[in-house]
Amino acid sequence: MNIDVLPNKEEAGKDLGILNIATTLGQTVGPIVTSIVVVMGGYKLVFPIAIVFVLLACIFIQMIRSTK
């Protein structure tokens, strides 16, 4: 399904590499940033920040073109 929504089929390898980097960076940086936020502002501060990121993700998901 990822290949169906790529902008250029000839550069699928590059685009899928960028997708992999984005996924890996999120999983790597997320726990580090969350730990810093918890230490500096408490556990309750994590949820408003998470809400902002979820809303941003919803906006970006709307930009994905349909595969139909």
N, C-alpha and C. Protein backbone atom coordinates (compact mmCIF):
# COMPACT_ATOMS: atom_id res chain seq x y z
N MET A 1 0.82 -1.18 0.00
CA MET A 1 0.00 0.00 0.00
C MET A 1 0.87 1.26 0.00
N ASN A 2 2.00 1.22 0.65
CA ASN A 2 2.87 2.40 0.65
C ASN A 2 3.31 2.76 -0.75
N ILE A 3 3.60 1.77 -1.56
CA ILE A 3 4.07 2.03 -2.92
C ILE A 3 2.97 2.66 -3.77
N ASP A 4 1.71 2.34 -3.47
CA ASP A 4 0.59 2.88 -4.25
C ASP A 4 0.45 4.39 -4.11
N VAL A 5 0.89 4.96 -3.00
CA VAL A 5 0.70 6.40 -2.78
C VAL A 5 1.99 7.21 -2.95
N LEU A 6 3.04 6.59 -3.43
CA LEU A 6 4.28 7.32 -3.65
C LEU A 6 4.14 8.28 -4.83
N PRO A 7 4.77 9.45 -4.74
CA PRO A 7 4.65 10.42 -5.83
C PRO A 7 5.33 9.98 -7.12
N ASN A 8 6.42 9.23 -7.01
CA ASN A 8 7.17 8.84 -8.20
C ASN A 8 7.60 7.38 -8.05
N LYS A 9 7.04 6.51 -8.87
CA LYS A 9 7.32 5.07 -8.75
C LYS A 9 8.79 4.72 -9.03
N GLU A 10 9.46 5.55 -9.85
CA GLU A 10 10.86 5.27 -10.18
C GLU A 10 11.79 5.51 -8.98
N GLU A 11 11.38 6.32 -8.05
CA GLU A 11 12.19 6.62 -6.87
C GLU A 11 11.59 5.97 -5.62
N ALA A 12 10.99 4.82 -5.78
CA ALA A 12 10.32 4.15 -4.66
C ALA A 12 11.30 3.81 -3.54
N GLY A 13 12.51 3.38 -3.89
CA GLY A 13 13.50 3.04 -2.87
C GLY A 13 13.86 4.21 -1.98
N LYS A 14 14.07 5.36 -2.60
CA LYS A 14 14.41 6.57 -1.84
C LYS A 14 13.24 6.97 -0.94
N ASP A 15 12.04 6.96 -1.49
CA ASP A 15 10.87 7.37 -0.72
C ASP A 15 10.59 6.42 0.44
N LEU A 16 10.73 5.13 0.21
CA LEU A 16 10.53 4.17 1.29
C LEU A 16 11.64 4.28 2.34
N GLY A 17 12.84 4.65 1.93
CA GLY A 17 13.92 4.90 2.88
C GLY A 17 13.61 6.08 3.79
N ILE A 18 13.04 7.14 3.21
CA ILE A 18 12.64 8.30 4.01
C ILE A 18 11.54 7.90 5.00
N LEU A 19 10.60 7.08 4.55
CA LEU A 19 9.54 6.58 5.44
C LEU A 19 10.14 5.80 6.60
N ASN A 20 11.13 4.96 6.30
CA ASN A 20 11.78 4.16 7.34
C ASN A 20 12.53 5.05 8.33
N ILE A 21 13.21 6.07 7.82
CA ILE A 21 13.92 7.00 8.70
C ILE A 21 12.94 7.72 9.61
N ALA A 22 11.82 8.18 9.06
CA ALA A 22 10.83 8.90 9.86
C ALA A 22 10.28 8.01 10.97
N THR A 23 10.01 6.76 10.65
CA THR A 23 9.49 5.83 11.65
C THR A 23 10.53 5.55 12.72
N THR A 24 11.76 5.29 12.31
CA THR A 24 12.82 4.97 13.26
C THR A 24 13.16 6.16 14.15
N LEU A 25 13.21 7.36 13.57
CA LEU A 25 13.51 8.54 14.38
C LEU A 25 12.44 8.78 15.43
N GLY A 26 11.18 8.59 15.06
CA GLY A 26 10.10 8.76 16.03
C GLY A 26 10.22 7.80 17.20
N GLN A 27 10.57 6.56 16.90
CA GLN A 27 10.71 5.56 17.95
C GLN A 27 11.96 5.77 18.79
N THR A 28 12.96 6.42 18.22
CA THR A 28 14.20 6.67 18.95
C THR A 28 14.14 7.95 19.77
N VAL A 29 13.66 9.01 19.16
CA VAL A 29 13.65 10.32 19.81
C VAL A 29 12.48 10.46 20.78
N GLY A 30 11.35 9.81 20.49
CA GLY A 30 10.16 9.94 21.32
C GLY A 30 10.38 9.63 22.79
N PRO A 31 10.94 8.48 23.14
CA PRO A 31 11.16 8.18 24.55
C PRO A 31 12.15 9.14 25.23
N ILE A 32 13.14 9.60 24.49
CA ILE A 32 14.11 10.54 25.06
C ILE A 32 13.43 11.86 25.39
N VAL A 33 12.68 12.39 24.43
CA VAL A 33 11.99 13.67 24.64
C VAL A 33 10.94 13.53 25.74
N THR A 34 10.22 12.41 25.75
CA THR A 34 9.21 12.19 26.79
C THR A 34 9.86 12.14 28.17
N SER A 35 11.01 11.51 28.28
CA SER A 35 11.71 11.46 29.57
C SER A 35 12.08 12.86 30.04
N ILE A 36 12.56 13.68 29.13
CA ILE A 36 12.93 15.06 29.48
C ILE A 36 11.69 15.84 29.91
N VAL A 37 10.59 15.68 29.19
CA VAL A 37 9.35 16.39 29.53
C VAL A 37 8.85 15.96 30.90
N VAL A 38 8.90 14.67 31.20
CA VAL A 38 8.43 14.17 32.49
C VAL A 38 9.29 14.72 33.62
N VAL A 39 10.60 14.77 33.43
CA VAL A 39 11.49 15.28 34.47
C VAL A 39 11.28 16.77 34.68
N MET A 40 11.10 17.52 33.59
CA MET A 40 10.99 18.97 33.70
C MET A 40 9.58 19.45 34.09
N GLY A 41 8.55 18.77 33.59
CA GLY A 41 7.21 19.30 33.80
C GLY A 41 6.22 18.34 34.41
N GLY A 42 6.63 17.14 34.67
CA GLY A 42 5.72 16.17 35.25
C GLY A 42 5.02 15.34 34.18
N TYR A 43 4.41 14.28 34.66
CA TYR A 43 3.78 13.32 33.76
C TYR A 43 2.56 13.90 33.06
N LYS A 44 1.85 14.81 33.73
CA LYS A 44 0.64 15.39 33.14
C LYS A 44 0.94 16.26 31.93
N LEU A 45 2.13 16.74 31.77
CA LEU A 45 2.50 17.57 30.63
C LEU A 45 2.65 16.74 29.35
N VAL A 46 2.86 15.44 29.49
CA VAL A 46 3.03 14.57 28.33
C VAL A 46 1.76 14.54 27.47
N PHE A 47 0.60 14.53 28.11
CA PHE A 47 -0.65 14.36 27.38
C PHE A 47 -1.00 15.54 26.48
N PRO A 48 -0.89 16.79 26.92
CA PRO A 48 -1.15 17.89 25.98
C PRO A 48 -0.18 17.91 24.80
N ILE A 49 1.06 17.56 25.05
CA ILE A 49 2.03 17.51 23.96
C ILE A 49 1.66 16.39 23.00
N ALA A 50 1.23 15.25 23.53
CA ALA A 50 0.81 14.14 22.67
C ALA A 50 -0.41 14.52 21.84
N ILE A 51 -1.33 15.27 22.42
CA ILE A 51 -2.52 15.71 21.68
C ILE A 51 -2.11 16.58 20.49
N VAL A 52 -1.15 17.47 20.70
CA VAL A 52 -0.68 18.32 19.60
C VAL A 52 -0.11 17.46 18.47
N PHE A 53 0.69 16.46 18.82
CA PHE A 53 1.28 15.61 17.79
C PHE A 53 0.22 14.76 17.08
N VAL A 54 -0.79 14.31 17.80
CA VAL A 54 -1.87 13.55 17.16
C VAL A 54 -2.63 14.43 16.19
N LEU A 55 -2.91 15.67 16.57
CA LEU A 55 -3.61 16.59 15.66
C LEU A 55 -2.77 16.89 14.42
N LEU A 56 -1.47 17.07 14.61
CA LEU A 56 -0.59 17.27 13.45
C LEU A 56 -0.60 16.05 12.54
N ALA A 57 -0.58 14.86 13.14
CA ALA A 57 -0.61 13.64 12.34
C ALA A 57 -1.91 13.55 11.54
N CYS A 58 -3.03 13.94 12.16
CA CYS A 58 -4.31 13.93 11.44
C CYS A 58 -4.28 14.86 10.24
N ILE A 59 -3.66 16.00 10.39
CA ILE A 59 -3.56 16.95 9.27
C ILE A 59 -2.71 16.35 8.15
N PHE A 60 -1.58 15.76 8.51
CA PHE A 60 -0.70 15.18 7.49
C PHE A 60 -1.33 13.96 6.82
N ILE A 61 -2.10 13.18 7.56
CA ILE A 61 -2.75 12.02 6.97
C ILE A 61 -3.77 12.45 5.92
N GLN A 62 -4.41 13.57 6.14
CA GLN A 62 -5.38 14.08 5.16
C GLN A 62 -4.71 14.43 3.83
N MET A 63 -3.42 14.69 3.85
CA MET A 63 -2.69 15.06 2.64
C MET A 63 -2.32 13.85 1.77
N ILE A 64 -2.47 12.65 2.30
CA ILE A 64 -2.13 11.44 1.54
C ILE A 64 -3.21 11.22 0.50
N ARG A 65 -2.77 11.03 -0.72
CA ARG A 65 -3.75 10.82 -1.79
C ARG A 65 -4.29 9.40 -1.72
N SER A 66 -5.48 9.23 -2.22
CA SER A 66 -6.16 7.95 -2.19
C SER A 66 -5.50 6.97 -3.16
N THR A 67 -5.63 5.68 -2.88
CA THR A 67 -5.08 4.66 -3.77
C THR A 67 -6.11 4.18 -4.78
N LYS A 68 -7.33 4.67 -4.69
CA LYS A 68 -8.40 4.23 -5.60
C LYS A 68 -8.35 4.98 -6.90
